[in-house]
Amino acid sequence: MQISLSPFTALLIAATLSITVPASAATDQEKIQNSIELDAAQEREQGDAEDPLASRQSDKTNNPSLQSIKPNSFSTYTSLRFRYRQTTHETIFADGGTRAGINGEYQIFPDYWVIGRGEVGFKLFDKIDQIFDPGGQGNDRNGEDIFLRLGYVGLETPSTFLTFGKNWSTYYQIASFTDRFQGTGAGASGTFNAGTDGGASGTGRADEVFQTRLHIGNPRGLLSRYKPFNLNLQFQPGEKIPHAQSTRYQYSAGFSAILERQDNLKIGIAANYAAIASEDLSSLESIGIQGDDLSVLLGFQWFGKKWYAATTFSWLDNHMTTQNGIYFKAWGSEGYGHYHIWDKVWLVGGWNYLEPQHGEEQAGSYVLRYVVLGLRYTFKDFQRMIYANIRFDSSRLSSTSNEELSNVYTIGVKWDFDW
C-alpha cells in the first residue's frame, strides 16, 4: 500500500517532529542539570559541616563504589577565622575558631582503610568574651592559646568506622544539624556545656572516646527512597566534671540514629549519659548537680539546591550551667537556615532558646534567648566567605543577676586552605 502526503501534511509532520524531539532532549537535559545541582548542594552542605569524618561517612553512603577506589592520601589544612563584634558596652576583635590539622587515609585491603586526624586550635587574639558566645565552637577547658581540637585514629570498613581519641561525639551527629552559624550558636543544644568544648561530658569534641559509626542495610522496594540507616555508638572513661574540682564521671556512653531520605530530608535522635557515683552527689549539691548527666536531642534537617533548614529540641539534666558555674536541668530549642538570594550572597537566620525546667530555683532567672539574622558573601561555597550577623539577644546567663545581654553585631571572615 502506498501512502501519499500532501505538501501541507508533510510540512505539519516535520514541524511536529522538530518540536517533539528537542523537547524530549530538553527534558533529559533538565534531569541531568537538576542532578548536578543537587550534587553540588550536597557538596556545599558537607563542606559547611564541622565534623570532617561526617563528610567521609556521607560519601560512603551516597557513592560506596567510588569510596573503594579513592587513592591513599595525606593532607594538611588550615582554617583562618576572625571576627569583629560590637555590643552596647564594648567592641571585640577576636579569633573565631582558627585551626590547623593533618589528615591521613591508607587502604590496607580493598574497602578497608586506616584513618587518622590531628587538629589544633589557636587563639590568635587574647580577648574572647564567652558572655557573647556561650556555645560557639566550644572553649578549651584550660584556656591555652594553642590546644587540641581533634586527635583520633581508626579503621574504616565497608559499613563501619571504628575510632579512638578526641573526636566529634555521636551526640554531635544530631547537634550539627543546627551548628551552622558563624560567630555564635550551639548554645541550646547542650553540645558545649559548662563553658567547655563538651569533651568531658561526651557531647561535643569528646575526650578519649571509643566510637563506632555504622551504616545498616541497603533499602529496596518501598524503602528505596531512603539511604542506609546510620547508627553511632560511643563509650568514654570517666573524665573530670567541669566546676567540680577533682570529681569525675564514672563513665559516659552515647548513641545517635539518623534516618535519611534520598531527597536529603533527615530525622535523628541522640542521647548521652554520664554516670556520677552516688557517694559524690552530696558534695556536688553546692553546684546544683542532683544526679547523673543526661542529654537527649531530637533533630530535623532538610536542604535543596538553594536552601537549608534545620531544627533541634533538647532535654538536658545536670548538664548545663549558668555563667557562674551552677548546674541545672533544662530544655531548649535551636533553629538554623540559609537561602541563596543571588550570585554569591546568602541570607542566614535562626534562634537559640534554653530555659531551666520547672523548680530549678538554683538557676535564678537564667535564660538563653536570641534570634540571629545575617548575610554571607561566599568565594568558595561556605569554605571561604565573609559574613555579617545581628544577634538580637535578651539572655540572662547568671544565676545571681537579672541583667540582660545586649544585641551583638558581628563581621567576620572564614577562609579555609587545603595544602
Protein backbone atom coordinates (compact mmCIF):
# COMPACT_ATOMS: atom_id res chain seq x y z
CA MET A 1 0.00 0.00 0.00
CA GLN A 2 1.33 3.36 -0.97
CA ILE A 3 0.64 6.46 1.15
CA SER A 4 0.85 9.86 -0.42
CA LEU A 5 1.07 13.01 1.65
CA SER A 6 0.14 16.48 0.61
CA PRO A 7 2.90 19.09 0.93
CA PHE A 8 0.95 20.71 3.79
CA THR A 9 0.62 17.39 5.71
CA ALA A 10 4.31 16.60 5.22
CA LEU A 11 5.26 20.05 6.46
CA LEU A 12 2.99 19.64 9.53
CA ILE A 13 4.55 16.26 10.43
CA ALA A 14 8.06 17.64 10.00
CA ALA A 15 7.23 20.62 12.23
CA THR A 16 5.75 18.33 14.90
CA LEU A 17 8.84 16.11 14.90
CA SER A 18 11.10 19.14 15.08
CA ILE A 19 9.27 20.23 18.24
CA THR A 20 8.90 16.82 19.92
CA VAL A 21 12.47 15.58 19.67
CA PRO A 22 14.16 18.63 21.14
CA ALA A 23 11.51 18.76 23.91
CA SER A 24 12.40 15.19 24.94
CA ALA A 25 16.08 16.01 24.78
CA ALA A 26 15.48 19.14 26.85
CA THR A 27 13.68 17.06 29.49
CA ASP A 28 16.65 14.70 29.79
CA GLN A 29 18.99 17.65 29.95
CA GLU A 30 16.93 19.21 32.73
CA LYS A 31 17.13 15.96 34.71
CA ILE A 32 20.89 15.86 34.29
CA GLN A 33 21.22 19.53 35.24
CA ASN A 34 18.99 19.03 38.28
CA SER A 35 21.09 16.05 39.40
CA ILE A 36 24.30 18.09 39.00
CA GLU A 37 22.84 20.95 41.06
CA LEU A 38 21.69 18.60 43.83
CA ASP A 39 25.15 17.00 43.96
CA ALA A 40 26.65 20.49 44.21
CA ALA A 41 24.25 21.34 47.05
CA GLN A 42 25.24 18.18 48.89
CA GLU A 43 28.93 19.00 48.50
CA ARG A 44 28.26 22.55 49.69
CA GLU A 45 26.46 21.38 52.85
CA GLN A 46 29.11 18.74 53.60
CA GLY A 47 31.75 21.43 53.34
CA ASP A 48 29.88 23.56 55.88
CA ALA A 49 29.84 20.77 58.50
CA GLU A 50 32.30 20.92 61.41
CA ASP A 51 32.84 17.15 61.70
CA PRO A 52 35.28 16.17 58.91
CA LEU A 53 34.54 12.46 59.33
CA ALA A 54 30.85 13.13 58.60
CA SER A 55 31.77 14.07 55.02
CA ARG A 56 33.52 10.74 54.50
CA GLN A 57 30.53 8.97 56.03
CA SER A 58 28.20 10.73 53.61
CA ASP A 59 30.39 9.85 50.62
CA LYS A 60 30.35 6.20 51.66
CA THR A 61 26.54 6.24 51.87
CA ASN A 62 25.94 8.11 48.62
CA ASN A 63 28.71 6.63 46.44
CA PRO A 64 30.02 3.39 48.02
CA SER A 65 31.63 2.18 44.80
CA LEU A 66 33.65 5.39 44.42
CA GLN A 67 34.83 5.28 48.02
CA SER A 68 36.60 1.95 47.49
CA ILE A 69 38.77 3.30 44.65
CA LYS A 70 39.87 6.53 46.30
CA PRO A 71 43.66 6.89 46.47
CA ASN A 72 45.64 6.90 49.69
CA SER A 73 46.11 10.43 50.92
CA PHE A 74 47.92 12.58 53.45
CA SER A 75 46.97 16.22 53.67
CA THR A 76 47.32 19.31 55.81
CA TYR A 77 44.79 22.10 56.18
CA THR A 78 44.28 25.45 57.84
CA SER A 79 41.15 27.45 58.55
CA LEU A 80 41.56 31.11 59.49
CA ARG A 81 38.55 32.58 61.28
CA PHE A 82 38.41 36.11 62.64
CA ARG A 83 35.54 38.26 63.79
CA TYR A 84 34.84 41.78 64.96
CA ARG A 85 31.95 42.11 67.43
CA GLN A 86 30.26 45.17 68.86
CA THR A 87 27.86 45.39 71.79
CA THR A 88 26.41 48.23 73.83
CA HIS A 89 29.36 48.01 76.22
CA GLU A 90 32.43 47.12 74.15
CA THR A 91 33.98 46.05 70.89
CA ILE A 92 35.93 42.83 70.42
CA PHE A 93 38.31 41.80 67.64
CA ALA A 94 38.93 38.12 68.24
CA ASP A 95 39.68 34.70 66.89
CA GLY A 96 36.58 32.76 65.78
CA GLY A 97 37.74 29.14 65.74
CA THR A 98 41.02 29.19 63.79
CA ARG A 99 42.52 25.72 63.43
CA ALA A 100 45.13 23.68 61.54
CA GLY A 101 45.43 19.95 61.10
CA ILE A 102 46.69 16.85 59.34
CA ASN A 103 44.60 14.05 57.92
CA GLY A 104 45.57 10.63 56.55
CA GLU A 105 43.81 7.70 54.86
CA TYR A 106 45.55 4.48 53.83
CA GLN A 107 43.87 1.45 52.24
CA ILE A 108 45.24 -1.78 53.76
CA PHE A 109 42.82 -4.14 51.93
CA PRO A 110 40.09 -3.50 49.36
CA ASP A 111 37.46 -1.35 51.13
CA TYR A 112 39.45 -1.32 54.40
CA TRP A 113 41.22 1.87 55.43
CA VAL A 114 43.35 3.09 58.33
CA ILE A 115 42.39 6.69 59.07
CA GLY A 116 43.67 9.39 61.39
CA ARG A 117 43.44 13.10 62.11
CA GLY A 118 45.12 15.64 64.36
CA GLU A 119 43.83 19.19 64.72
CA VAL A 120 44.86 22.08 66.95
CA GLY A 121 43.02 25.30 67.66
CA PHE A 122 44.55 28.74 68.07
CA LYS A 123 43.52 31.80 70.00
CA LEU A 124 45.38 34.37 67.98
CA PHE A 125 43.82 37.23 69.93
CA ASP A 126 43.57 37.26 73.71
CA LYS A 127 40.24 38.98 74.21
CA ILE A 128 37.48 36.44 73.59
CA ASP A 129 34.50 37.05 75.85
CA GLN A 130 32.33 33.94 76.27
CA ILE A 131 29.44 36.05 77.51
CA PHE A 132 28.70 36.91 73.90
CA ASP A 133 29.21 33.35 72.64
CA PRO A 134 28.17 30.80 75.30
CA GLY A 135 28.02 28.00 72.73
CA GLY A 136 30.05 28.64 69.63
CA GLN A 137 32.73 26.13 68.80
CA GLY A 138 33.40 25.29 72.44
CA ASN A 139 36.27 26.56 74.53
CA ASP A 140 39.29 24.63 75.67
CA ARG A 141 38.98 23.95 79.38
CA ASN A 142 42.44 25.14 80.37
CA GLY A 143 42.47 28.42 78.46
CA GLU A 144 45.59 27.71 76.40
CA ASP A 145 46.31 29.79 73.32
CA ILE A 146 47.10 26.56 71.42
CA PHE A 147 45.01 23.50 72.25
CA LEU A 148 43.95 20.12 70.84
CA ARG A 149 40.65 20.17 68.99
CA LEU A 150 40.74 16.67 67.45
CA GLY A 151 43.10 13.73 67.62
CA TYR A 152 41.99 10.23 66.66
CA VAL A 153 42.95 7.08 64.77
CA GLY A 154 40.66 4.41 63.41
CA LEU A 155 39.66 1.72 60.97
CA GLU A 156 37.14 2.14 58.18
CA THR A 157 35.36 -0.93 56.76
CA PRO A 158 32.66 -1.14 54.07
CA SER A 159 29.92 -0.40 56.63
CA THR A 160 31.67 0.78 59.79
CA PHE A 161 34.03 3.38 61.25
CA LEU A 162 35.90 2.43 64.45
CA THR A 163 37.87 5.24 66.10
CA PHE A 164 39.59 6.16 69.35
CA GLY A 165 40.76 9.55 70.58
CA LYS A 166 39.34 13.06 70.76
CA ASN A 167 36.56 13.15 68.22
CA TRP A 168 33.23 14.78 67.47
CA SER A 169 30.67 12.89 69.54
CA THR A 170 27.76 10.72 68.49
CA TYR A 171 25.57 13.42 70.09
CA TYR A 172 27.05 15.98 67.71
CA GLN A 173 25.83 13.98 64.72
CA ILE A 174 22.42 15.48 65.53
CA ALA A 175 23.58 18.77 67.09
CA SER A 176 25.47 19.51 63.85
CA PHE A 177 22.12 19.97 62.07
CA THR A 178 21.88 23.47 63.55
CA ASP A 179 25.51 24.24 64.46
CA ARG A 180 25.99 26.25 61.25
CA PHE A 181 26.14 29.87 62.43
CA GLN A 182 29.39 31.81 62.21
CA GLY A 183 30.36 33.63 65.39
CA THR A 184 27.51 32.33 67.55
CA GLY A 185 25.10 29.45 68.10
CA ALA A 186 25.02 25.91 69.52
CA GLY A 187 24.07 27.18 72.97
CA ALA A 188 20.68 25.49 73.24
CA SER A 189 21.61 22.00 72.03
CA GLY A 190 23.85 21.26 75.02
CA THR A 191 26.82 20.39 72.84
CA PHE A 192 29.38 22.66 74.50
CA ASN A 193 28.28 22.58 78.13
CA ALA A 194 29.65 24.19 81.28
CA GLY A 195 31.99 26.52 79.37
CA THR A 196 33.89 23.64 77.75
CA ASP A 197 34.14 22.02 74.34
CA GLY A 198 31.92 19.18 75.56
CA GLY A 199 34.95 16.91 75.89
CA ALA A 200 34.40 15.74 79.47
CA SER A 201 30.67 15.08 79.21
CA GLY A 202 30.98 13.48 75.75
CA THR A 203 28.52 15.72 73.90
CA GLY A 204 30.97 17.91 71.94
CA ARG A 205 34.53 17.06 70.99
CA ALA A 206 34.64 14.05 73.30
CA ASP A 207 37.89 13.19 75.10
CA GLU A 208 39.45 9.70 74.89
CA VAL A 209 36.32 8.25 73.32
CA PHE A 210 35.79 4.83 71.72
CA GLN A 211 33.37 5.32 68.85
CA THR A 212 31.72 3.36 66.07
CA ARG A 213 29.69 4.72 63.19
CA LEU A 214 27.58 2.10 61.39
CA HIS A 215 25.70 2.04 58.10
CA ILE A 216 22.95 -0.57 58.17
CA GLY A 217 21.07 -2.03 55.21
CA ASN A 218 20.62 -1.23 51.56
CA PRO A 219 16.96 -0.17 51.32
CA ARG A 220 14.91 -1.59 48.47
CA GLY A 221 11.27 -1.70 47.40
CA LEU A 222 9.09 0.59 49.49
CA LEU A 223 12.19 1.78 51.35
CA SER A 224 14.20 2.56 48.22
CA ARG A 225 13.69 6.28 48.77
CA TYR A 226 15.77 6.01 51.97
CA LYS A 227 19.54 5.82 52.39
CA PRO A 228 21.24 3.23 54.64
CA PHE A 229 20.30 3.66 58.31
CA ASN A 230 23.01 5.40 60.32
CA LEU A 231 23.73 4.27 63.92
CA ASN A 232 26.53 5.76 66.03
CA LEU A 233 27.75 4.46 69.40
CA GLN A 234 30.41 5.66 71.83
CA PHE A 235 31.92 4.90 75.24
CA GLN A 236 34.13 7.19 77.28
CA PRO A 237 36.07 6.51 80.50
CA GLY A 238 35.32 8.88 83.36
CA GLU A 239 36.53 12.47 82.84
CA LYS A 240 36.64 15.30 85.37
CA ILE A 241 33.31 17.00 85.97
CA PRO A 242 33.60 20.71 84.99
CA HIS A 243 33.46 23.08 88.00
CA ALA A 244 33.66 20.12 90.42
CA GLN A 245 37.37 20.22 91.29
CA SER A 246 38.73 16.66 91.07
CA THR A 247 35.43 14.74 90.99
CA ARG A 248 35.00 12.54 87.93
CA TYR A 249 32.20 10.93 85.99
CA GLN A 250 32.32 7.14 86.38
CA TYR A 251 31.91 6.78 82.59
CA SER A 252 29.81 8.16 79.79
CA ALA A 253 28.04 6.47 76.88
CA GLY A 254 26.13 7.81 73.94
CA PHE A 255 24.31 6.93 70.76
CA SER A 256 22.65 8.62 67.82
CA ALA A 257 20.49 7.30 64.99
CA ILE A 258 19.73 9.01 61.69
CA LEU A 259 17.17 8.14 59.03
CA GLU A 260 17.71 9.97 55.73
CA ARG A 261 15.69 10.09 52.53
CA GLN A 262 17.15 10.38 49.05
CA ASP A 263 15.82 13.95 48.84
CA ASN A 264 18.15 14.98 51.74
CA LEU A 265 15.50 15.04 54.47
CA LYS A 266 16.93 13.75 57.77
CA ILE A 267 15.45 12.93 61.16
CA GLY A 268 17.73 11.96 64.01
CA ILE A 269 17.82 11.34 67.74
CA ALA A 270 20.77 11.32 70.14
CA ALA A 271 21.31 10.64 73.82
CA ASN A 272 24.36 10.88 76.06
CA TYR A 273 24.63 9.63 79.65
CA ALA A 274 27.44 10.41 82.10
CA ALA A 275 27.24 8.49 85.37
CA ILE A 276 28.10 10.05 88.73
CA ALA A 277 28.88 7.92 91.79
CA SER A 278 26.14 8.18 94.43
CA GLU A 279 28.69 8.93 97.15
CA ASP A 280 29.82 12.04 95.24
CA LEU A 281 26.36 13.60 94.91
CA SER A 282 26.29 15.17 98.36
CA SER A 283 29.44 17.17 97.65
CA LEU A 284 28.11 18.24 94.24
CA GLU A 285 24.83 19.68 95.50
CA SER A 286 26.54 23.01 96.11
CA ILE A 287 26.96 23.48 92.37
CA GLY A 288 23.45 22.28 91.54
CA ILE A 289 24.14 18.69 90.46
CA GLN A 290 21.29 16.44 91.63
CA GLY A 291 22.03 13.24 89.71
CA ASP A 292 23.59 11.77 86.59
CA ASP A 293 24.19 13.83 83.47
CA LEU A 294 21.64 13.01 80.75
CA SER A 295 21.29 14.80 77.40
CA VAL A 296 18.65 13.96 74.78
CA LEU A 297 18.38 15.66 71.39
CA LEU A 298 15.86 15.33 68.54
CA GLY A 299 16.70 16.91 65.20
CA PHE A 300 15.35 17.53 61.70
CA GLN A 301 17.33 18.66 58.64
CA TRP A 302 16.40 19.28 55.00
CA PHE A 303 18.13 21.09 52.16
CA GLY A 304 17.80 21.73 48.46
CA LYS A 305 19.67 23.47 45.66
CA LYS A 306 19.29 26.96 47.14
CA TRP A 307 18.26 26.45 50.76
CA TYR A 308 18.89 24.67 54.06
CA ALA A 309 16.67 24.35 57.14
CA ALA A 310 17.14 22.51 60.44
CA THR A 311 15.88 22.47 64.00
CA THR A 312 16.70 20.58 67.21
CA PHE A 313 14.94 20.09 70.55
CA SER A 314 16.94 19.27 73.69
CA TRP A 315 16.24 17.85 77.16
CA LEU A 316 19.21 18.30 79.50
CA ASP A 317 19.60 17.03 83.07
CA ASN A 318 22.55 18.14 85.24
CA HIS A 319 24.37 19.16 82.07
CA MET A 320 24.15 22.92 81.52
CA THR A 321 25.48 25.63 83.83
CA THR A 322 24.88 29.28 84.47
CA GLN A 323 27.65 31.76 83.81
CA ASN A 324 28.83 31.34 87.40
CA GLY A 325 29.07 27.54 87.22
CA ILE A 326 25.75 26.37 88.73
CA TYR A 327 24.24 23.27 87.11
CA PHE A 328 20.52 22.98 86.30
CA LYS A 329 18.04 20.87 84.34
CA ALA A 330 16.82 22.49 81.14
CA TRP A 331 15.01 22.15 77.87
CA GLY A 332 15.83 24.02 74.68
CA SER A 333 15.24 24.59 71.00
CA GLU A 334 17.58 25.70 68.25
CA GLY A 335 16.97 26.56 64.60
CA TYR A 336 19.11 27.46 61.63
CA GLY A 337 18.50 28.14 57.93
CA HIS A 338 20.10 29.78 54.91
CA TYR A 339 18.80 30.77 51.49
CA HIS A 340 20.60 31.75 48.28
CA ILE A 341 19.43 35.26 47.37
CA TRP A 342 21.55 35.96 44.31
CA ASP A 343 25.03 35.43 42.89
CA LYS A 344 27.26 34.71 45.93
CA VAL A 345 25.00 36.19 48.61
CA TRP A 346 23.16 34.07 51.18
CA LEU A 347 20.60 35.06 53.80
CA VAL A 348 21.07 33.37 57.21
CA GLY A 349 18.70 33.15 60.16
CA GLY A 350 17.77 31.17 63.24
CA TRP A 351 17.38 31.11 67.00
CA ASN A 352 18.63 29.66 70.31
CA TYR A 353 16.32 29.23 73.30
CA LEU A 354 17.15 27.43 76.55
CA GLU A 355 15.46 27.72 79.93
CA PRO A 356 15.59 25.80 83.23
CA GLN A 357 12.94 23.19 83.90
CA HIS A 358 10.25 23.96 86.47
CA GLY A 359 11.57 24.04 90.01
CA GLU A 360 15.25 24.65 89.16
CA GLU A 361 15.49 27.60 91.56
CA GLN A 362 19.30 27.46 91.80
CA ALA A 363 19.44 28.72 88.19
CA GLY A 364 17.87 32.02 89.25
CA SER A 365 16.46 33.93 86.27
CA TYR A 366 18.75 32.22 83.74
CA VAL A 367 17.50 32.09 80.17
CA LEU A 368 19.34 31.80 76.85
CA ARG A 369 17.23 33.60 74.27
CA TYR A 370 18.27 35.19 71.00
CA VAL A 371 17.49 35.42 67.27
CA VAL A 372 20.16 35.75 64.59
CA LEU A 373 19.88 37.34 61.14
CA GLY A 374 22.80 37.68 58.77
CA LEU A 375 24.31 37.70 55.30
CA ARG A 376 27.16 35.74 53.76
CA TYR A 377 29.21 36.54 50.69
CA THR A 378 30.88 33.36 49.51
CA PHE A 379 34.01 32.90 47.42
CA LYS A 380 34.14 29.08 47.54
CA ASP A 381 30.82 27.73 48.85
CA PHE A 382 30.92 28.18 52.65
CA GLN A 383 34.61 27.33 52.91
CA ARG A 384 35.72 30.86 52.03
CA MET A 385 33.44 33.74 52.89
CA ILE A 386 32.85 36.99 54.70
CA TYR A 387 29.75 37.38 56.85
CA ALA A 388 27.77 39.81 58.98
CA ASN A 389 25.31 38.87 61.75
CA ILE A 390 22.96 40.70 64.07
CA ARG A 391 22.14 38.79 67.24
CA PHE A 392 19.01 40.16 68.93
CA ASP A 393 19.76 38.98 72.45
CA SER A 394 17.67 39.11 75.64
CA SER A 395 19.53 36.34 77.51
CA ARG A 396 20.24 36.32 81.25
CA LEU A 397 23.14 33.97 81.88
CA SER A 398 23.88 34.47 85.59
CA SER A 399 22.02 32.79 88.46
CA THR A 400 22.60 35.85 90.68
CA SER A 401 21.72 38.70 88.30
CA ASN A 402 18.69 39.72 86.23
CA GLU A 403 20.78 41.77 83.78
CA GLU A 404 20.01 41.04 80.12
CA LEU A 405 22.68 40.86 77.44
CA SER A 406 22.65 43.45 74.67
CA ASN A 407 22.45 42.89 70.94
CA VAL A 408 25.65 41.76 69.24
CA TYR A 409 26.78 42.93 65.79
CA THR A 410 29.40 40.71 64.13
CA ILE A 411 31.51 40.94 61.00
CA GLY A 412 33.84 38.06 60.26
CA VAL A 413 35.94 36.07 57.83
CA LYS A 414 36.24 32.32 57.33
CA TRP A 415 38.98 31.18 54.93
CA ASP A 416 39.86 27.52 54.52
CA PHE A 417 43.13 26.37 52.93
CA ASP A 418 43.94 22.85 51.68
CA TRP A 419 47.66 22.38 51.26
